[in-house]
Amino acid sequence: MTSEFEDLTAVALERRKIFRPEWFRDLLAARLGLGDTFWIGNYGVALVFVPLFFFFGLIAPAFFGQQAYAFLYPSFAGLSAIYQFCLIRAVFICARRTPEVGGWRWFGVAFTVLNFATSALLALLFTFGALSV
């Protein structure tokens, strides 16, 4: 029987792995659980993407000029869409192997598809000049 201290230590060591390259490989290869794949894949990573969108949207034009901004923002939005597309596959695989979750697993897949659609639409609108600063 493990002690509470050992359990907490194991959790702390496991959390250190999050957002490292190996963890992203496991995430996108659907080797994590459905909860981690959906929640951290969609929202944990958004803790990085959202501040970067803010940086590219408001601060980058002041430092890099409009030409660099016109390249950086669509590129970053495109990378975000590619990540979301890969995440759809991972969430779908995890949802298929966890039938005990019920209908919520398919809601998670649909929600991830909507996140991808939003990212892809934003990337396309900026790429083709429908949106600008």
C-alpha atoms as a PDB file:
ATOM      1  CA  MET A   1       0.000   0.000   0.000  1.00  0.00           C
ATOM      2  CA  THR A   2       1.414   3.397  -0.957  1.00  0.00           C
ATOM      3  CA  SER A   3       1.382   6.353   1.342  1.00  0.00           C
ATOM      4  CA  GLU A   4      -0.322   9.649   0.591  1.00  0.00           C
ATOM      5  CA  PHE A   5       3.103  11.288   0.266  1.00  0.00           C
ATOM      6  CA  GLU A   6       4.161   8.775  -2.393  1.00  0.00           C
ATOM      7  CA  ASP A   7       0.909   9.355  -4.290  1.00  0.00           C
ATOM      8  CA  LEU A   8       1.396  13.117  -4.243  1.00  0.00           C
ATOM      9  CA  THR A   9       5.023  12.717  -5.299  1.00  0.00           C
ATOM     10  CA  ALA A  10       3.989  10.529  -8.242  1.00  0.00           C
ATOM     11  CA  VAL A  11       1.406  13.121  -9.310  1.00  0.00           C
ATOM     12  CA  ALA A  12       3.979  15.924  -9.074  1.00  0.00           C
ATOM     13  CA  LEU A  13       6.473  13.950 -11.159  1.00  0.00           C
ATOM     14  CA  GLU A  14       3.794  13.182 -13.747  1.00  0.00           C
ATOM     15  CA  ARG A  15       2.837  16.873 -14.007  1.00  0.00           C
ATOM     16  CA  ARG A  16       6.439  17.809 -14.788  1.00  0.00           C
ATOM     17  CA  LYS A  17       6.107  15.919 -18.060  1.00  0.00           C
ATOM     18  CA  ILE A  18       3.247  18.099 -19.315  1.00  0.00           C
ATOM     19  CA  PHE A  19       4.037  20.410 -22.269  1.00  0.00           C
ATOM     20  CA  ARG A  20       7.343  18.727 -23.050  1.00  0.00           C
ATOM     21  CA  PRO A  21       7.952  17.367 -26.579  1.00  0.00           C
ATOM     22  CA  GLU A  22       7.483  13.749 -25.420  1.00  0.00           C
ATOM     23  CA  TRP A  23       4.176  14.682 -23.815  1.00  0.00           C
ATOM     24  CA  PHE A  24       2.948  16.314 -27.033  1.00  0.00           C
ATOM     25  CA  ARG A  25       3.872  13.119 -28.915  1.00  0.00           C
ATOM     26  CA  ASP A  26       1.867  11.080 -26.423  1.00  0.00           C
ATOM     27  CA  LEU A  27      -1.027  13.539 -26.585  1.00  0.00           C
ATOM     28  CA  LEU A  28      -1.299  13.572 -30.365  1.00  0.00           C
ATOM     29  CA  ALA A  29      -0.693   9.804 -30.578  1.00  0.00           C
ATOM     30  CA  ALA A  30      -3.707   9.276 -28.255  1.00  0.00           C
ATOM     31  CA  ARG A  31      -1.617   7.572 -25.564  1.00  0.00           C
ATOM     32  CA  LEU A  32      -3.138   9.673 -22.778  1.00  0.00           C
ATOM     33  CA  GLY A  33      -6.589   9.277 -21.284  1.00  0.00           C
ATOM     34  CA  LEU A  34      -9.646  10.929 -22.804  1.00  0.00           C
ATOM     35  CA  GLY A  35      -9.810  13.534 -20.045  1.00  0.00           C
ATOM     36  CA  ASP A  36      -6.201  14.635 -20.478  1.00  0.00           C
ATOM     37  CA  THR A  37      -6.424  14.526 -24.245  1.00  0.00           C
ATOM     38  CA  PHE A  38      -9.579  16.646 -24.357  1.00  0.00           C
ATOM     39  CA  TRP A  39      -9.081  19.066 -21.473  1.00  0.00           C
ATOM     40  CA  ILE A  40      -5.350  19.674 -21.606  1.00  0.00           C
ATOM     41  CA  GLY A  41      -5.256  19.307 -25.390  1.00  0.00           C
ATOM     42  CA  ASN A  42      -7.920  21.968 -25.887  1.00  0.00           C
ATOM     43  CA  TYR A  43      -7.588  24.242 -22.865  1.00  0.00           C
ATOM     44  CA  GLY A  44      -4.116  23.652 -21.461  1.00  0.00           C
ATOM     45  CA  VAL A  45      -2.533  24.362 -24.810  1.00  0.00           C
ATOM     46  CA  ALA A  46      -4.831  27.385 -25.184  1.00  0.00           C
ATOM     47  CA  LEU A  47      -2.992  28.864 -22.206  1.00  0.00           C
ATOM     48  CA  VAL A  48      -0.064  29.182 -24.617  1.00  0.00           C
ATOM     49  CA  PHE A  49      -1.899  29.932 -27.874  1.00  0.00           C
ATOM     50  CA  VAL A  50      -4.105  32.743 -26.547  1.00  0.00           C
ATOM     51  CA  PRO A  51      -1.261  34.897 -25.171  1.00  0.00           C
ATOM     52  CA  LEU A  52       0.659  34.364 -28.413  1.00  0.00           C
ATOM     53  CA  PHE A  53      -2.358  35.483 -30.451  1.00  0.00           C
ATOM     54  CA  PHE A  54      -2.518  38.533 -28.215  1.00  0.00           C
ATOM     55  CA  PHE A  55       1.182  39.198 -28.779  1.00  0.00           C
ATOM     56  CA  PHE A  56       0.939  38.806 -32.545  1.00  0.00           C
ATOM     57  CA  GLY A  57      -2.287  40.780 -32.740  1.00  0.00           C
ATOM     58  CA  LEU A  58      -1.444  43.807 -30.638  1.00  0.00           C
ATOM     59  CA  ILE A  59       2.248  44.005 -29.901  1.00  0.00           C
ATOM     60  CA  ALA A  60       3.998  42.512 -32.948  1.00  0.00           C
ATOM     61  CA  PRO A  61       2.869  45.208 -35.436  1.00  0.00           C
ATOM     62  CA  ALA A  62       4.468  47.882 -33.268  1.00  0.00           C
ATOM     63  CA  PHE A  63       7.810  46.064 -33.203  1.00  0.00           C
ATOM     64  CA  PHE A  64       7.947  44.261 -36.527  1.00  0.00           C
ATOM     65  CA  GLY A  65       5.800  46.385 -38.825  1.00  0.00           C
ATOM     66  CA  GLN A  66       2.785  45.491 -40.896  1.00  0.00           C
ATOM     67  CA  GLN A  67       4.625  43.285 -43.417  1.00  0.00           C
ATOM     68  CA  ALA A  68       5.987  40.974 -40.721  1.00  0.00           C
ATOM     69  CA  TYR A  69       2.611  40.971 -38.989  1.00  0.00           C
ATOM     70  CA  ALA A  70       0.882  40.051 -42.249  1.00  0.00           C
ATOM     71  CA  PHE A  71       3.105  36.959 -42.376  1.00  0.00           C
ATOM     72  CA  LEU A  72       3.319  36.069 -38.661  1.00  0.00           C
ATOM     73  CA  TYR A  73      -0.364  36.125 -37.730  1.00  0.00           C
ATOM     74  CA  PRO A  74      -1.684  33.883 -40.538  1.00  0.00           C
ATOM     75  CA  SER A  75       1.279  31.541 -40.017  1.00  0.00           C
ATOM     76  CA  PHE A  76       0.584  31.226 -36.326  1.00  0.00           C
ATOM     77  CA  ALA A  77      -3.151  30.804 -36.916  1.00  0.00           C
ATOM     78  CA  GLY A  78      -2.359  28.106 -39.470  1.00  0.00           C
ATOM     79  CA  LEU A  79      -0.119  26.253 -36.995  1.00  0.00           C
ATOM     80  CA  SER A  80      -2.910  26.440 -34.458  1.00  0.00           C
ATOM     81  CA  ALA A  81      -5.340  24.942 -36.982  1.00  0.00           C
ATOM     82  CA  ILE A  82      -2.908  22.126 -37.826  1.00  0.00           C
ATOM     83  CA  TYR A  83      -2.517  21.345 -34.127  1.00  0.00           C
ATOM     84  CA  GLN A  84      -6.307  21.312 -33.656  1.00  0.00           C
ATOM     85  CA  PHE A  85      -6.685  19.004 -36.665  1.00  0.00           C
ATOM     86  CA  CYS A  86      -4.191  16.547 -35.154  1.00  0.00           C
ATOM     87  CA  LEU A  87      -5.970  16.827 -31.811  1.00  0.00           C
ATOM     88  CA  ILE A  88      -9.282  15.792 -33.430  1.00  0.00           C
ATOM     89  CA  ARG A  89      -7.735  12.447 -34.335  1.00  0.00           C
ATOM     90  CA  ALA A  90      -6.360  11.928 -30.820  1.00  0.00           C
ATOM     91  CA  VAL A  91      -9.646  12.814 -29.103  1.00  0.00           C
ATOM     92  CA  PHE A  92     -11.549  10.554 -31.519  1.00  0.00           C
ATOM     93  CA  ILE A  93      -9.263   7.568 -30.816  1.00  0.00           C
ATOM     94  CA  CYS A  94      -9.514   8.139 -27.065  1.00  0.00           C
ATOM     95  CA  ALA A  95     -13.305   8.481 -27.320  1.00  0.00           C
ATOM     96  CA  ARG A  96     -13.603   5.173 -29.187  1.00  0.00           C
ATOM     97  CA  ARG A  97     -11.686   3.288 -26.511  1.00  0.00           C
ATOM     98  CA  THR A  98     -13.654   4.726 -23.556  1.00  0.00           C
ATOM     99  CA  PRO A  99     -17.297   3.686 -24.091  1.00  0.00           C
ATOM    100  CA  GLU A 100     -18.024   4.048 -20.365  1.00  0.00           C
ATOM    101  CA  VAL A 101     -18.024   7.825 -20.796  1.00  0.00           C
ATOM    102  CA  GLY A 102     -21.206   7.651 -22.866  1.00  0.00           C
ATOM    103  CA  GLY A 103     -22.332  10.462 -25.136  1.00  0.00           C
ATOM    104  CA  TRP A 104     -19.992  12.991 -23.594  1.00  0.00           C
ATOM    105  CA  ARG A 105     -17.073  11.475 -25.476  1.00  0.00           C
ATOM    106  CA  TRP A 106     -18.704  12.370 -28.807  1.00  0.00           C
ATOM    107  CA  PHE A 107     -19.480  15.845 -27.513  1.00  0.00           C
ATOM    108  CA  GLY A 108     -15.740  16.181 -26.834  1.00  0.00           C
ATOM    109  CA  VAL A 109     -14.947  15.137 -30.403  1.00  0.00           C
ATOM    110  CA  ALA A 110     -17.522  17.584 -31.796  1.00  0.00           C
ATOM    111  CA  PHE A 111     -16.197  20.385 -29.606  1.00  0.00           C
ATOM    112  CA  THR A 112     -12.646  19.733 -30.799  1.00  0.00           C
ATOM    113  CA  VAL A 113     -13.889  19.799 -34.413  1.00  0.00           C
ATOM    114  CA  LEU A 114     -15.469  23.203 -33.733  1.00  0.00           C
ATOM    115  CA  ASN A 115     -12.180  24.458 -32.258  1.00  0.00           C
ATOM    116  CA  PHE A 116     -10.427  23.321 -35.435  1.00  0.00           C
ATOM    117  CA  ALA A 117     -13.050  25.007 -37.626  1.00  0.00           C
ATOM    118  CA  THR A 118     -12.610  28.273 -35.736  1.00  0.00           C
ATOM    119  CA  SER A 119      -8.814  28.147 -36.007  1.00  0.00           C
ATOM    120  CA  ALA A 120      -8.907  27.216 -39.689  1.00  0.00           C
ATOM    121  CA  LEU A 121     -11.429  29.940 -40.513  1.00  0.00           C
ATOM    122  CA  LEU A 122      -9.365  32.547 -38.703  1.00  0.00           C
ATOM    123  CA  ALA A 123      -6.223  31.437 -40.535  1.00  0.00           C
ATOM    124  CA  LEU A 124      -7.975  31.548 -43.917  1.00  0.00           C
ATOM    125  CA  LEU A 125      -9.559  34.946 -43.287  1.00  0.00           C
ATOM    126  CA  PHE A 126      -6.230  36.495 -42.382  1.00  0.00           C
ATOM    127  CA  THR A 127      -4.363  34.706 -45.155  1.00  0.00           C
ATOM    128  CA  PHE A 128      -6.710  35.919 -47.880  1.00  0.00           C
ATOM    129  CA  GLY A 129      -7.007  39.423 -46.479  1.00  0.00           C
ATOM    130  CA  ALA A 130     -10.639  39.337 -45.338  1.00  0.00           C
ATOM    131  CA  LEU A 131      -9.447  40.438 -41.894  1.00  0.00           C
ATOM    132  CA  SER A 132      -6.700  42.926 -41.231  1.00  0.00           C
ATOM    133  CA  VAL A 133      -5.505  45.326 -38.594  1.00  0.00           C
END
